[in-house]
Amino acid sequence: MNDAPDRKTIVALGYDQIIDRYMETFGRSTVRARKFEELVADLPAGANVLDLGCGAGVPVARELTRRGFVVTGVDGSAGQIARAARDVPEGRFIQADMTAIDFPPGSFNAVCGFYSITHVPREEHAALFKRVAKWLRLGGRFLASFGTTQGDWCGDWLGVPMFFSHYDPQVTRQLVLDAGFRLEKTELLEQDNEKSEFLWISGRRT
């Protein structure tokens, strides 16, 4: 019998242990700040936004609430969700697997995934994108970051076991298109707080 934790449990338990360490290392990013502005550029006042992999709620969920948006955050880590609920009391935070949770159709004006979908096993990406499309209102925006090299990686990261999973950019773009999105912007960007590159996709539900 194999008692080793599955990949999603590895991610959740890892993030339980590194709440402060993660914020110290990645709490500031000009790349994320620019992409955040793209996310909110034309959202209507009081828009409903879903933050997938919201972590401790800072800075994305916190800044969304500061600007008057209605925020729902989802994360698999109990520790991160508890911190988000404490530090961003205006938001609604749910501990759940983003690939398993469900919301009524058309619940959100925008859905974002900042550095989070890279922790979802890539064979589940296509189904997740289709769920995101269902949750969005017509014309709603989906903005997220993805890895750039196809494969899975599991090892020590920030002092804890961690898991990452990616397709190559061409496959990811096609999966987003197939889910019912019109691509508005795709770009590869080097991070400003670590030596890594991400694919960023912004699309609209059609």
Protein backbone atom coordinates (compact mmCIF):
# COMPACT_ATOMS: atom_id res chain seq x y z
CA MET A 1 0.00 0.00 0.00
CA ASN A 2 1.35 3.42 -0.99
CA ASP A 3 0.92 5.97 1.81
CA ALA A 4 2.83 8.76 0.01
CA PRO A 5 0.79 11.97 -0.36
CA ASP A 6 -0.63 12.74 -3.80
CA ARG A 7 0.55 15.73 -5.79
CA LYS A 8 -2.19 18.10 -4.66
CA THR A 9 -1.66 17.18 -1.03
CA ILE A 10 2.06 17.87 -1.44
CA VAL A 11 1.22 21.38 -2.67
CA ALA A 12 -1.35 22.09 0.05
CA LEU A 13 0.83 20.84 2.90
CA GLY A 14 3.84 22.65 1.52
CA TYR A 15 2.04 25.98 1.38
CA ASP A 16 0.76 25.46 4.93
CA GLN A 17 4.39 25.61 6.06
CA ILE A 18 5.70 28.54 4.03
CA ILE A 19 3.15 31.32 4.41
CA ASP A 20 5.62 33.90 5.70
CA ARG A 21 8.58 32.56 3.71
CA TYR A 22 6.62 32.80 0.47
CA MET A 23 5.60 36.39 1.18
CA GLU A 24 9.16 37.38 2.04
CA THR A 25 10.44 35.87 -1.22
CA PHE A 26 7.65 36.67 -3.69
CA GLY A 27 5.50 39.28 -1.99
CA ARG A 28 6.63 42.01 -4.38
CA SER A 29 6.64 41.72 -8.16
CA THR A 30 6.43 44.40 -10.83
CA VAL A 31 5.37 41.70 -13.30
CA ARG A 32 2.42 40.67 -11.13
CA ALA A 33 1.52 44.32 -10.52
CA ARG A 34 1.40 45.01 -14.26
CA LYS A 35 -0.71 41.94 -14.93
CA PHE A 36 -3.04 42.89 -12.10
CA GLU A 37 -3.67 46.23 -13.80
CA GLU A 38 -4.50 44.39 -17.01
CA LEU A 39 -6.98 42.24 -15.09
CA VAL A 40 -8.90 45.16 -13.60
CA ALA A 41 -8.49 47.66 -16.45
CA ASP A 42 -12.12 47.60 -17.62
CA LEU A 43 -13.96 45.72 -14.89
CA PRO A 44 -17.28 47.32 -13.93
CA ALA A 45 -17.68 48.78 -10.46
CA GLY A 46 -18.42 46.08 -7.90
CA ALA A 47 -17.41 43.28 -10.29
CA ASN A 48 -17.23 39.72 -8.99
CA VAL A 49 -13.71 38.27 -9.26
CA LEU A 50 -12.55 34.72 -8.56
CA ASP A 51 -8.94 34.38 -7.43
CA LEU A 52 -7.82 30.78 -8.05
CA GLY A 53 -4.92 29.81 -5.80
CA CYS A 54 -5.40 32.96 -3.76
CA GLY A 55 -2.86 31.96 -1.11
CA ALA A 56 -2.84 34.30 1.87
CA GLY A 57 -4.84 36.90 -0.05
CA VAL A 58 -1.97 39.36 -0.40
CA PRO A 59 -1.51 41.23 -2.61
CA VAL A 60 -4.14 40.22 -5.20
CA ALA A 61 -7.32 39.66 -3.18
CA ARG A 62 -6.50 42.51 -0.83
CA GLU A 63 -5.99 44.97 -3.66
CA LEU A 64 -9.16 43.79 -5.40
CA THR A 65 -11.22 44.48 -2.30
CA ARG A 66 -9.55 47.86 -1.83
CA ARG A 67 -10.78 48.80 -5.28
CA GLY A 68 -14.34 47.84 -4.46
CA PHE A 69 -14.56 44.48 -6.20
CA VAL A 70 -16.31 41.45 -4.71
CA VAL A 71 -13.66 38.75 -4.25
CA THR A 72 -13.89 34.99 -3.85
CA GLY A 73 -10.60 33.23 -3.20
CA VAL A 74 -9.97 29.49 -3.52
CA ASP A 75 -6.89 27.66 -2.30
CA GLY A 76 -6.04 24.12 -1.26
CA SER A 77 -3.95 25.18 1.74
CA ALA A 78 -5.84 25.49 5.02
CA GLY A 79 -3.11 27.69 6.46
CA GLN A 80 -3.12 30.09 3.54
CA ILE A 81 -6.92 30.37 3.59
CA ALA A 82 -6.92 31.09 7.33
CA ARG A 83 -4.38 33.88 6.79
CA ALA A 84 -6.39 35.31 3.89
CA ALA A 85 -9.57 35.38 5.95
CA ARG A 86 -7.70 37.17 8.73
CA ASP A 87 -5.88 39.73 6.59
CA VAL A 88 -8.56 40.36 3.95
CA PRO A 89 -11.81 40.20 5.94
CA GLU A 90 -13.78 41.77 3.09
CA GLY A 91 -13.17 38.71 0.88
CA ARG A 92 -14.81 35.30 0.79
CA PHE A 93 -12.25 32.50 1.04
CA ILE A 94 -12.78 28.79 0.47
CA GLN A 95 -10.37 25.93 1.09
CA ALA A 96 -10.84 23.64 -1.89
CA ASP A 97 -9.23 22.01 -4.90
CA MET A 98 -9.73 24.50 -7.74
CA THR A 99 -10.35 21.60 -10.15
CA ALA A 100 -13.16 20.18 -7.99
CA ILE A 101 -15.02 23.22 -6.66
CA ASP A 102 -18.00 24.46 -8.64
CA PHE A 103 -19.91 27.72 -9.00
CA PRO A 104 -23.14 28.59 -10.82
CA PRO A 105 -22.74 29.56 -14.48
CA GLY A 106 -21.99 33.23 -15.04
CA SER A 107 -20.97 33.91 -11.44
CA PHE A 108 -17.94 36.09 -12.18
CA ASN A 109 -16.83 39.03 -14.30
CA ALA A 110 -13.22 37.84 -14.12
CA VAL A 111 -11.19 34.82 -13.01
CA CYS A 112 -7.47 35.03 -12.31
CA GLY A 113 -4.74 32.55 -11.45
CA PHE A 114 -1.50 34.24 -10.41
CA TYR A 115 1.26 31.60 -10.18
CA SER A 116 -1.22 28.92 -9.09
CA ILE A 117 -2.30 26.78 -12.05
CA THR A 118 1.34 25.71 -12.36
CA HIS A 119 0.64 23.51 -9.31
CA VAL A 120 -2.30 21.71 -10.99
CA PRO A 121 -1.41 18.44 -12.77
CA ARG A 122 -1.34 19.40 -16.42
CA GLU A 123 -3.70 16.60 -17.47
CA GLU A 124 -6.39 18.50 -15.54
CA HIS A 125 -5.78 21.88 -17.19
CA ALA A 126 -8.21 21.41 -20.09
CA ALA A 127 -11.13 20.53 -17.81
CA LEU A 128 -10.27 23.41 -15.46
CA PHE A 129 -10.28 25.94 -18.31
CA LYS A 130 -13.74 24.72 -19.39
CA ARG A 131 -15.02 25.14 -15.84
CA VAL A 132 -13.59 28.67 -15.72
CA ALA A 133 -15.39 29.49 -18.97
CA LYS A 134 -18.67 28.26 -17.47
CA TRP A 135 -18.19 30.36 -14.32
CA LEU A 136 -17.56 33.54 -16.32
CA ARG A 137 -20.18 35.85 -17.71
CA LEU A 138 -20.20 36.40 -21.47
CA GLY A 139 -17.17 38.55 -22.26
CA GLY A 140 -15.63 37.89 -18.84
CA ARG A 141 -11.85 37.87 -18.56
CA PHE A 142 -9.57 35.00 -17.67
CA LEU A 143 -5.99 35.98 -16.81
CA ALA A 144 -3.41 33.49 -15.58
CA SER A 145 0.24 32.51 -15.60
CA PHE A 146 1.63 29.18 -16.76
CA GLY A 147 4.94 27.41 -17.07
CA THR A 148 6.92 27.41 -20.30
CA THR A 149 8.54 23.96 -20.38
CA GLN A 150 6.44 20.82 -20.63
CA GLY A 151 6.79 18.35 -17.80
CA ASP A 152 6.27 17.71 -14.10
CA TRP A 153 8.66 18.65 -11.31
CA CYS A 154 8.59 17.56 -7.68
CA GLY A 155 11.32 18.46 -5.21
CA ASP A 156 12.46 20.85 -2.51
CA TRP A 157 11.20 24.42 -2.99
CA LEU A 158 11.55 27.09 -0.31
CA GLY A 159 12.46 24.29 2.08
CA VAL A 160 9.39 22.10 1.55
CA PRO A 161 8.34 19.41 -0.94
CA MET A 162 6.50 20.99 -3.86
CA PHE A 163 4.98 20.01 -7.21
CA PHE A 164 4.75 21.91 -10.51
CA SER A 165 3.25 20.84 -13.84
CA HIS A 166 3.26 22.54 -17.25
CA TYR A 167 2.53 22.13 -20.93
CA ASP A 168 4.55 24.03 -23.47
CA PRO A 169 3.10 27.45 -24.41
CA GLN A 170 1.61 26.31 -27.71
CA VAL A 171 -0.39 23.54 -26.03
CA THR A 172 -1.58 25.82 -23.23
CA ARG A 173 -2.77 28.48 -25.65
CA GLN A 174 -4.71 25.88 -27.62
CA LEU A 175 -6.34 24.46 -24.51
CA VAL A 176 -7.53 27.94 -23.52
CA LEU A 177 -8.91 28.49 -27.02
CA ASP A 178 -10.64 25.11 -26.98
CA ALA A 179 -12.32 25.98 -23.68
CA GLY A 180 -14.19 28.85 -25.36
CA PHE A 181 -11.95 31.87 -24.97
CA ARG A 182 -10.79 34.53 -27.40
CA LEU A 183 -7.15 35.25 -26.69
CA GLU A 184 -6.45 38.94 -26.15
CA LYS A 185 -2.83 38.78 -25.06
CA THR A 186 -0.19 36.12 -24.61
CA GLU A 187 3.40 36.82 -23.66
CA LEU A 188 6.45 35.21 -22.11
CA LEU A 189 7.85 37.27 -19.25
CA GLU A 190 10.89 36.89 -17.04
CA GLN A 191 10.11 37.29 -13.37
CA ASP A 192 11.66 40.16 -11.46
CA ASN A 193 11.93 38.25 -8.16
CA GLU A 194 13.30 34.87 -9.33
CA LYS A 195 15.12 33.35 -12.28
CA SER A 196 12.14 31.94 -14.11
CA GLU A 197 9.88 32.69 -17.06
CA PHE A 198 6.10 32.43 -17.24
CA LEU A 199 3.57 32.37 -20.02
CA TRP A 200 0.81 34.90 -19.35
CA ILE A 201 -2.55 34.53 -21.09
CA SER A 202 -5.45 36.97 -21.04
CA GLY A 203 -8.64 35.85 -22.77
CA ARG A 204 -12.34 36.62 -23.00
CA ARG A 205 -15.16 34.13 -22.73
CA THR A 206 -16.97 33.92 -26.07
